[in-house]
């Protein structure tokens, strides 16, 4: 299970709660990374929504916590709406709050997504003697997220892969590919890693710019079609 909170809702559905925060990234003088606020909220949103999708849920509302000041609110909302539009979910409700009593020296936001999925829905992987784990997108942090935008896995691609049967999606988080691979595949021992991998497997994945995908071999051609062949095989079980 990924980093999501599951809450029974009724006999048919569960609520899925995911969240992300961002600090020292924005337009304040003391921010470590200078980028527009719509970019800040977009990438914070994508971290939370990729967790939602990977859990088998669909978002029904987004909550924004804004510590950047009143003037940043509309731009932050624009970034979230951009992410929802990429998913074809423009009707998802957005709410939130701004800290307006005190001014912070650095930008900060939090994004929480409330989603729903069928009750007792679990990601199911087809029993097979042969399956692979591949990386889609590249782990990127800070200014590289903007400079290498073509290497970021699109949200629409994540959504479509999450709909595939017998395929498991696992976002790459701040502890890197290797950490997430060990969580995704409990039996992982490193012995079947591909020899030609030219990646830092311990580099932070930043705002979920890449995902791990575990799949039976017969699904690879479909994945290659969905990803534009931007798929790097990492391990075979």
C-alpha atoms as a PDB file:
ATOM      1  CA  UNK A   1       0.000   0.000   0.000  1.00  0.00           C
ATOM      2  CA  UNK A   2       1.249   3.468  -0.865  1.00  0.00           C
ATOM      3  CA  UNK A   3       1.219   6.563   1.364  1.00  0.00           C
ATOM      4  CA  UNK A   4      -2.544   6.912   1.578  1.00  0.00           C
ATOM      5  CA  UNK A   5      -5.071   6.864   4.411  1.00  0.00           C
ATOM      6  CA  UNK A   6      -8.060   4.567   3.820  1.00  0.00           C
ATOM      7  CA  UNK A   7     -11.376   5.299   5.539  1.00  0.00           C
ATOM      8  CA  UNK A   8     -14.478   3.087   5.151  1.00  0.00           C
ATOM      9  CA  UNK A   9     -17.263   5.252   3.701  1.00  0.00           C
ATOM     10  CA  UNK A  10     -20.133   2.846   3.053  1.00  0.00           C
ATOM     11  CA  UNK A  11     -20.564  -0.746   1.958  1.00  0.00           C
ATOM     12  CA  UNK A  12     -19.538   0.088  -1.595  1.00  0.00           C
ATOM     13  CA  UNK A  13     -16.805   2.720  -1.212  1.00  0.00           C
ATOM     14  CA  UNK A  14     -13.718   3.784   0.717  1.00  0.00           C
ATOM     15  CA  UNK A  15     -12.297   7.273   1.092  1.00  0.00           C
ATOM     16  CA  UNK A  16      -8.630   7.668   0.177  1.00  0.00           C
ATOM     17  CA  UNK A  17      -6.740  10.644   1.655  1.00  0.00           C
ATOM     18  CA  UNK A  18      -3.363  11.732   0.240  1.00  0.00           C
ATOM     19  CA  UNK A  19      -1.325  14.856   0.848  1.00  0.00           C
ATOM     20  CA  UNK A  20       1.841  16.770  -0.011  1.00  0.00           C
ATOM     21  CA  UNK A  21       3.539  19.949   1.150  1.00  0.00           C
ATOM     22  CA  UNK A  22       6.018  22.383  -0.342  1.00  0.00           C
ATOM     23  CA  UNK A  23       8.332  24.836   1.398  1.00  0.00           C
ATOM     24  CA  UNK A  24      10.885  27.468   0.320  1.00  0.00           C
ATOM     25  CA  UNK A  25       9.738  27.176  -3.315  1.00  0.00           C
ATOM     26  CA  UNK A  26       7.981  30.180  -4.836  1.00  0.00           C
ATOM     27  CA  UNK A  27       8.424  33.920  -5.339  1.00  0.00           C
ATOM     28  CA  UNK A  28       9.468  35.192  -1.898  1.00  0.00           C
ATOM     29  CA  UNK A  29      12.944  36.686  -1.625  1.00  0.00           C
ATOM     30  CA  UNK A  30      14.189  33.990   0.753  1.00  0.00           C
ATOM     31  CA  UNK A  31      12.832  31.034  -1.222  1.00  0.00           C
ATOM     32  CA  UNK A  32      15.484  28.482  -2.169  1.00  0.00           C
ATOM     33  CA  UNK A  33      13.923  27.891  -5.613  1.00  0.00           C
ATOM     34  CA  UNK A  34      12.300  30.761  -7.516  1.00  0.00           C
ATOM     35  CA  UNK A  35       9.308  29.655  -9.597  1.00  0.00           C
ATOM     36  CA  UNK A  36       5.763  30.950 -10.205  1.00  0.00           C
ATOM     37  CA  UNK A  37       3.124  29.850  -7.721  1.00  0.00           C
ATOM     38  CA  UNK A  38       1.092  27.994 -10.330  1.00  0.00           C
ATOM     39  CA  UNK A  39       4.126  25.728 -10.816  1.00  0.00           C
ATOM     40  CA  UNK A  40       4.466  25.228  -7.044  1.00  0.00           C
ATOM     41  CA  UNK A  41       0.852  24.103  -6.633  1.00  0.00           C
ATOM     42  CA  UNK A  42       0.833  22.025  -9.811  1.00  0.00           C
ATOM     43  CA  UNK A  43       3.722  19.844  -8.672  1.00  0.00           C
ATOM     44  CA  UNK A  44       2.472  19.567  -5.102  1.00  0.00           C
ATOM     45  CA  UNK A  45      -0.902  18.524  -6.501  1.00  0.00           C
ATOM     46  CA  UNK A  46       0.680  15.916  -8.729  1.00  0.00           C
ATOM     47  CA  UNK A  47       2.468  14.261  -5.788  1.00  0.00           C
ATOM     48  CA  UNK A  48      -0.821  13.825  -3.951  1.00  0.00           C
ATOM     49  CA  UNK A  49      -2.888  12.854  -6.987  1.00  0.00           C
ATOM     50  CA  UNK A  50      -0.396  10.251  -8.221  1.00  0.00           C
ATOM     51  CA  UNK A  51      -0.632   8.631  -4.771  1.00  0.00           C
ATOM     52  CA  UNK A  52      -4.429   8.734  -5.114  1.00  0.00           C
ATOM     53  CA  UNK A  53      -4.420   7.134  -8.565  1.00  0.00           C
ATOM     54  CA  UNK A  54      -1.844   4.503  -7.556  1.00  0.00           C
ATOM     55  CA  UNK A  55      -4.166   3.528  -4.688  1.00  0.00           C
ATOM     56  CA  UNK A  56      -6.930   2.750  -7.174  1.00  0.00           C
ATOM     57  CA  UNK A  57      -8.977   5.839  -6.293  1.00  0.00           C
ATOM     58  CA  UNK A  58     -10.284   8.869  -8.177  1.00  0.00           C
ATOM     59  CA  UNK A  59     -10.154  12.372  -6.638  1.00  0.00           C
ATOM     60  CA  UNK A  60     -13.424  14.010  -5.603  1.00  0.00           C
ATOM     61  CA  UNK A  61     -12.038  17.166  -3.930  1.00  0.00           C
ATOM     62  CA  UNK A  62      -8.794  19.081  -3.388  1.00  0.00           C
ATOM     63  CA  UNK A  63      -7.909  21.101  -0.268  1.00  0.00           C
ATOM     64  CA  UNK A  64      -5.254  23.843  -0.499  1.00  0.00           C
ATOM     65  CA  UNK A  65      -3.454  25.251   2.554  1.00  0.00           C
ATOM     66  CA  UNK A  66      -1.764  28.505   1.521  1.00  0.00           C
ATOM     67  CA  UNK A  67       0.974  30.186   3.555  1.00  0.00           C
ATOM     68  CA  UNK A  68       2.225  32.366   0.673  1.00  0.00           C
ATOM     69  CA  UNK A  69      -0.197  35.267   1.246  1.00  0.00           C
ATOM     70  CA  UNK A  70      -3.513  36.347  -0.275  1.00  0.00           C
ATOM     71  CA  UNK A  71      -1.895  37.503  -3.496  1.00  0.00           C
ATOM     72  CA  UNK A  72      -0.751  33.974  -4.358  1.00  0.00           C
ATOM     73  CA  UNK A  73      -4.139  32.276  -4.034  1.00  0.00           C
ATOM     74  CA  UNK A  74      -5.425  32.561  -7.609  1.00  0.00           C
ATOM     75  CA  UNK A  75      -2.138  31.444  -9.119  1.00  0.00           C
ATOM     76  CA  UNK A  76      -2.009  28.465  -6.759  1.00  0.00           C
ATOM     77  CA  UNK A  77      -5.540  27.499  -7.789  1.00  0.00           C
ATOM     78  CA  UNK A  78      -4.512  27.833 -11.452  1.00  0.00           C
ATOM     79  CA  UNK A  79      -1.779  25.244 -10.927  1.00  0.00           C
ATOM     80  CA  UNK A  80      -4.196  22.773  -9.346  1.00  0.00           C
ATOM     81  CA  UNK A  81      -6.700  23.304 -12.144  1.00  0.00           C
ATOM     82  CA  UNK A  82      -3.956  22.613 -14.677  1.00  0.00           C
ATOM     83  CA  UNK A  83      -3.347  19.224 -13.069  1.00  0.00           C
ATOM     84  CA  UNK A  84      -7.050  18.407 -12.963  1.00  0.00           C
ATOM     85  CA  UNK A  85      -7.418  19.397 -16.622  1.00  0.00           C
ATOM     86  CA  UNK A  86      -4.617  17.012 -17.614  1.00  0.00           C
ATOM     87  CA  UNK A  87      -6.581  14.245 -15.930  1.00  0.00           C
ATOM     88  CA  UNK A  88      -9.868  15.273 -17.561  1.00  0.00           C
ATOM     89  CA  UNK A  89     -11.279  16.033 -14.097  1.00  0.00           C
ATOM     90  CA  UNK A  90     -12.018  19.737 -14.328  1.00  0.00           C
ATOM     91  CA  UNK A  91     -15.205  19.402 -12.273  1.00  0.00           C
ATOM     92  CA  UNK A  92     -13.425  18.254  -9.095  1.00  0.00           C
ATOM     93  CA  UNK A  93     -14.151  20.752  -6.274  1.00  0.00           C
ATOM     94  CA  UNK A  94     -11.324  22.838  -4.761  1.00  0.00           C
ATOM     95  CA  UNK A  95     -11.423  24.452  -1.323  1.00  0.00           C
ATOM     96  CA  UNK A  96      -8.857  25.679   1.185  1.00  0.00           C
ATOM     97  CA  UNK A  97      -7.570  28.438   3.411  1.00  0.00           C
ATOM     98  CA  UNK A  98      -4.930  31.205   3.452  1.00  0.00           C
ATOM     99  CA  UNK A  99      -2.846  32.323   6.425  1.00  0.00           C
ATOM    100  CA  UNK A 100      -3.514  36.068   6.248  1.00  0.00           C
ATOM    101  CA  UNK A 101      -2.821  37.151   9.837  1.00  0.00           C
ATOM    102  CA  UNK A 102       0.941  36.679   9.602  1.00  0.00           C
ATOM    103  CA  UNK A 103       3.429  36.889   6.749  1.00  0.00           C
ATOM    104  CA  UNK A 104       6.072  34.168   6.337  1.00  0.00           C
ATOM    105  CA  UNK A 105       9.531  34.893   4.965  1.00  0.00           C
ATOM    106  CA  UNK A 106       9.383  31.809   2.714  1.00  0.00           C
ATOM    107  CA  UNK A 107       6.609  30.295   0.635  1.00  0.00           C
ATOM    108  CA  UNK A 108       4.757  27.219   1.880  1.00  0.00           C
ATOM    109  CA  UNK A 109       1.682  25.287   0.806  1.00  0.00           C
ATOM    110  CA  UNK A 110      -0.053  22.003   1.550  1.00  0.00           C
ATOM    111  CA  UNK A 111      -2.323  20.072  -0.829  1.00  0.00           C
ATOM    112  CA  UNK A 112      -4.663  17.312   0.333  1.00  0.00           C
ATOM    113  CA  UNK A 113      -6.772  15.164  -1.974  1.00  0.00           C
ATOM    114  CA  UNK A 114      -9.880  13.271  -0.962  1.00  0.00           C
ATOM    115  CA  UNK A 115     -10.626  10.394  -3.299  1.00  0.00           C
ATOM    116  CA  UNK A 116     -12.932   7.401  -3.514  1.00  0.00           C
ATOM    117  CA  UNK A 117     -12.443   3.834  -4.595  1.00  0.00           C
ATOM    118  CA  UNK A 118     -14.557   0.665  -4.460  1.00  0.00           C
ATOM    119  CA  UNK A 119     -14.563  -0.919  -0.994  1.00  0.00           C
ATOM    120  CA  UNK A 120     -11.959  -3.633  -0.462  1.00  0.00           C
ATOM    121  CA  UNK A 121     -10.365  -2.733  -3.782  1.00  0.00           C
ATOM    122  CA  UNK A 122      -6.737  -3.838  -3.762  1.00  0.00           C
ATOM    123  CA  UNK A 123      -4.183  -3.575  -6.559  1.00  0.00           C
ATOM    124  CA  UNK A 124      -4.041  -7.088  -7.978  1.00  0.00           C
ATOM    125  CA  UNK A 125      -1.038  -8.414  -9.845  1.00  0.00           C
ATOM    126  CA  UNK A 126      -1.497 -11.421 -12.098  1.00  0.00           C
ATOM    127  CA  UNK A 127       0.239 -14.484 -10.704  1.00  0.00           C
ATOM    128  CA  UNK A 128       3.104 -15.127 -13.057  1.00  0.00           C
ATOM    129  CA  UNK A 129       6.589 -16.565 -12.997  1.00  0.00           C
ATOM    130  CA  UNK A 130       7.757 -13.696 -15.193  1.00  0.00           C
ATOM    131  CA  UNK A 131       7.170 -10.025 -14.497  1.00  0.00           C
ATOM    132  CA  UNK A 132       9.149  -6.836 -14.790  1.00  0.00           C
ATOM    133  CA  UNK A 133       9.566  -3.554 -12.970  1.00  0.00           C
ATOM    134  CA  UNK A 134      10.241  -0.508 -15.126  1.00  0.00           C
ATOM    135  CA  UNK A 135      10.722   3.210 -14.565  1.00  0.00           C
ATOM    136  CA  UNK A 136       8.635   5.727 -16.483  1.00  0.00           C
ATOM    137  CA  UNK A 137       9.890   9.314 -16.351  1.00  0.00           C
ATOM    138  CA  UNK A 138      13.008  10.452 -14.500  1.00  0.00           C
ATOM    139  CA  UNK A 139      13.492  11.403 -10.833  1.00  0.00           C
ATOM    140  CA  UNK A 140      13.963  15.200 -10.832  1.00  0.00           C
ATOM    141  CA  UNK A 141      14.343  17.768  -8.063  1.00  0.00           C
ATOM    142  CA  UNK A 142      14.285  21.572  -7.826  1.00  0.00           C
ATOM    143  CA  UNK A 143      15.108  23.541 -10.956  1.00  0.00           C
ATOM    144  CA  UNK A 144      15.614  20.341 -12.994  1.00  0.00           C
ATOM    145  CA  UNK A 145      11.867  19.728 -12.762  1.00  0.00           C
ATOM    146  CA  UNK A 146      11.335  22.820 -14.924  1.00  0.00           C
ATOM    147  CA  UNK A 147      14.418  22.440 -17.136  1.00  0.00           C
ATOM    148  CA  UNK A 148      13.670  18.770 -17.979  1.00  0.00           C
ATOM    149  CA  UNK A 149       9.887  18.905 -18.182  1.00  0.00           C
ATOM    150  CA  UNK A 150       9.900  16.436 -21.091  1.00  0.00           C
ATOM    151  CA  UNK A 151      11.305  13.799 -18.701  1.00  0.00           C
ATOM    152  CA  UNK A 152       8.348  14.124 -16.303  1.00  0.00           C
ATOM    153  CA  UNK A 153       5.758  11.366 -16.690  1.00  0.00           C
ATOM    154  CA  UNK A 154       2.461  13.079 -17.701  1.00  0.00           C
ATOM    155  CA  UNK A 155      -0.472  12.788 -15.317  1.00  0.00           C
ATOM    156  CA  UNK A 156      -2.665  11.480 -18.124  1.00  0.00           C
ATOM    157  CA  UNK A 157      -0.216   8.614 -18.660  1.00  0.00           C
ATOM    158  CA  UNK A 158      -0.233   7.786 -14.940  1.00  0.00           C
ATOM    159  CA  UNK A 159      -4.046   7.753 -14.991  1.00  0.00           C
ATOM    160  CA  UNK A 160      -4.189   5.412 -17.997  1.00  0.00           C
ATOM    161  CA  UNK A 161      -1.596   2.999 -16.584  1.00  0.00           C
ATOM    162  CA  UNK A 162      -3.473   2.864 -13.269  1.00  0.00           C
ATOM    163  CA  UNK A 163      -6.519   1.641 -15.202  1.00  0.00           C
ATOM    164  CA  UNK A 164      -4.634  -1.341 -16.662  1.00  0.00           C
ATOM    165  CA  UNK A 165      -5.420  -4.756 -15.219  1.00  0.00           C
ATOM    166  CA  UNK A 166      -2.621  -6.699 -13.495  1.00  0.00           C
ATOM    167  CA  UNK A 167      -0.362  -3.629 -13.432  1.00  0.00           C
ATOM    168  CA  UNK A 168       0.848  -1.974 -10.235  1.00  0.00           C
ATOM    169  CA  UNK A 169       1.970   1.675 -10.091  1.00  0.00           C
ATOM    170  CA  UNK A 170       4.322   2.995  -7.429  1.00  0.00           C
ATOM    171  CA  UNK A 171       5.400   6.688  -7.359  1.00  0.00           C
ATOM    172  CA  UNK A 172       9.086   7.419  -6.770  1.00  0.00           C
ATOM    173  CA  UNK A 173       9.361   9.601  -3.664  1.00  0.00           C
ATOM    174  CA  UNK A 174      12.064  11.570  -1.910  1.00  0.00           C
ATOM    175  CA  UNK A 175      14.058   8.461  -0.906  1.00  0.00           C
ATOM    176  CA  UNK A 176      14.640   7.398  -4.482  1.00  0.00           C
ATOM    177  CA  UNK A 177      14.072   4.502  -6.854  1.00  0.00           C
ATOM    178  CA  UNK A 178      15.834   1.786  -4.860  1.00  0.00           C
ATOM    179  CA  UNK A 179      13.901   2.539  -1.664  1.00  0.00           C
ATOM    180  CA  UNK A 180      10.567   2.388  -3.494  1.00  0.00           C
ATOM    181  CA  UNK A 181      11.546  -0.731  -5.430  1.00  0.00           C
ATOM    182  CA  UNK A 182      12.204  -2.552  -2.142  1.00  0.00           C
ATOM    183  CA  UNK A 183       8.778  -1.460  -0.864  1.00  0.00           C
ATOM    184  CA  UNK A 184       7.059  -2.459  -4.074  1.00  0.00           C
ATOM    185  CA  UNK A 185       8.743  -5.885  -4.324  1.00  0.00           C
ATOM    186  CA  UNK A 186       9.287  -7.341  -0.822  1.00  0.00           C
ATOM    187  CA  UNK A 187      11.343 -10.220  -2.294  1.00  0.00           C
ATOM    188  CA  UNK A 188      13.718  -7.815  -4.065  1.00  0.00           C
ATOM    189  CA  UNK A 189      17.384  -8.739  -3.570  1.00  0.00           C
ATOM    190  CA  UNK A 190      19.049  -6.745  -6.335  1.00  0.00           C
ATOM    191  CA  UNK A 191      20.203  -9.868  -8.125  1.00  0.00           C
ATOM    192  CA  UNK A 192      18.159  -9.370 -11.257  1.00  0.00           C
ATOM    193  CA  UNK A 193      18.767  -5.664 -11.860  1.00  0.00           C
ATOM    194  CA  UNK A 194      19.494  -4.718 -15.457  1.00  0.00           C
ATOM    195  CA  UNK A 195      23.226  -4.172 -16.034  1.00  0.00           C
ATOM    196  CA  UNK A 196      22.842  -1.131 -18.310  1.00  0.00           C
ATOM    197  CA  UNK A 197      21.034   1.145 -15.816  1.00  0.00           C
ATOM    198  CA  UNK A 198      22.580   4.618 -15.835  1.00  0.00           C
ATOM    199  CA  UNK A 199      20.540   6.166 -13.024  1.00  0.00           C
ATOM    200  CA  UNK A 200      21.240   7.267  -9.480  1.00  0.00           C
ATOM    201  CA  UNK A 201      18.905   4.827  -7.740  1.00  0.00           C
ATOM    202  CA  UNK A 202      19.055   6.748  -4.461  1.00  0.00           C
ATOM    203  CA  UNK A 203      18.338  10.211  -5.877  1.00  0.00           C
ATOM    204  CA  UNK A 204      15.173  11.926  -4.648  1.00  0.00           C
ATOM    205  CA  UNK A 205      12.202  11.507  -6.949  1.00  0.00           C
ATOM    206  CA  UNK A 206      11.089  15.095  -6.290  1.00  0.00           C
ATOM    207  CA  UNK A 207       7.404  15.818  -6.988  1.00  0.00           C
ATOM    208  CA  UNK A 208       6.580  12.338  -8.330  1.00  0.00           C
ATOM    209  CA  UNK A 209       8.165  13.065 -11.701  1.00  0.00           C
ATOM    210  CA  UNK A 210       8.600   9.317 -12.268  1.00  0.00           C
ATOM    211  CA  UNK A 211       6.809   6.103 -11.375  1.00  0.00           C
ATOM    212  CA  UNK A 212       7.690   2.450 -11.020  1.00  0.00           C
ATOM    213  CA  UNK A 213       5.449  -0.002 -12.844  1.00  0.00           C
ATOM    214  CA  UNK A 214       5.275  -3.732 -12.099  1.00  0.00           C
ATOM    215  CA  UNK A 215       3.693  -5.756 -14.892  1.00  0.00           C
ATOM    216  CA  UNK A 216       3.499  -9.210 -16.505  1.00  0.00           C
ATOM    217  CA  UNK A 217       5.571  -9.497 -19.674  1.00  0.00           C
ATOM    218  CA  UNK A 218       2.551  -9.579 -21.982  1.00  0.00           C
ATOM    219  CA  UNK A 219       1.622  -6.036 -20.878  1.00  0.00           C
ATOM    220  CA  UNK A 220       4.883  -4.458 -22.034  1.00  0.00           C
ATOM    221  CA  UNK A 221       3.789  -3.592 -25.588  1.00  0.00           C
ATOM    222  CA  UNK A 222       0.700  -1.795 -24.258  1.00  0.00           C
ATOM    223  CA  UNK A 223       2.833   0.121 -21.772  1.00  0.00           C
ATOM    224  CA  UNK A 224       5.252   1.123 -24.524  1.00  0.00           C
ATOM    225  CA  UNK A 225       2.330   2.501 -26.543  1.00  0.00           C
ATOM    226  CA  UNK A 226       1.015   4.504 -23.574  1.00  0.00           C
ATOM    227  CA  UNK A 227       4.404   5.921 -22.596  1.00  0.00           C
ATOM    228  CA  UNK A 228       5.746   6.736 -26.034  1.00  0.00           C
ATOM    229  CA  UNK A 229       8.418   4.091 -25.459  1.00  0.00           C
ATOM    230  CA  UNK A 230       9.890   6.112 -22.564  1.00  0.00           C
ATOM    231  CA  UNK A 231      10.168   3.039 -20.389  1.00  0.00           C
ATOM    232  CA  UNK A 232      13.363   1.870 -18.694  1.00  0.00           C
ATOM    233  CA  UNK A 233      13.408  -1.757 -17.563  1.00  0.00           C
ATOM    234  CA  UNK A 234      14.984  -2.057 -14.107  1.00  0.00           C
ATOM    235  CA  UNK A 235      14.358  -5.546 -12.783  1.00  0.00           C
ATOM    236  CA  UNK A 236      12.869  -8.856 -13.784  1.00  0.00           C
ATOM    237  CA  UNK A 237      11.325 -11.318 -11.345  1.00  0.00           C
END
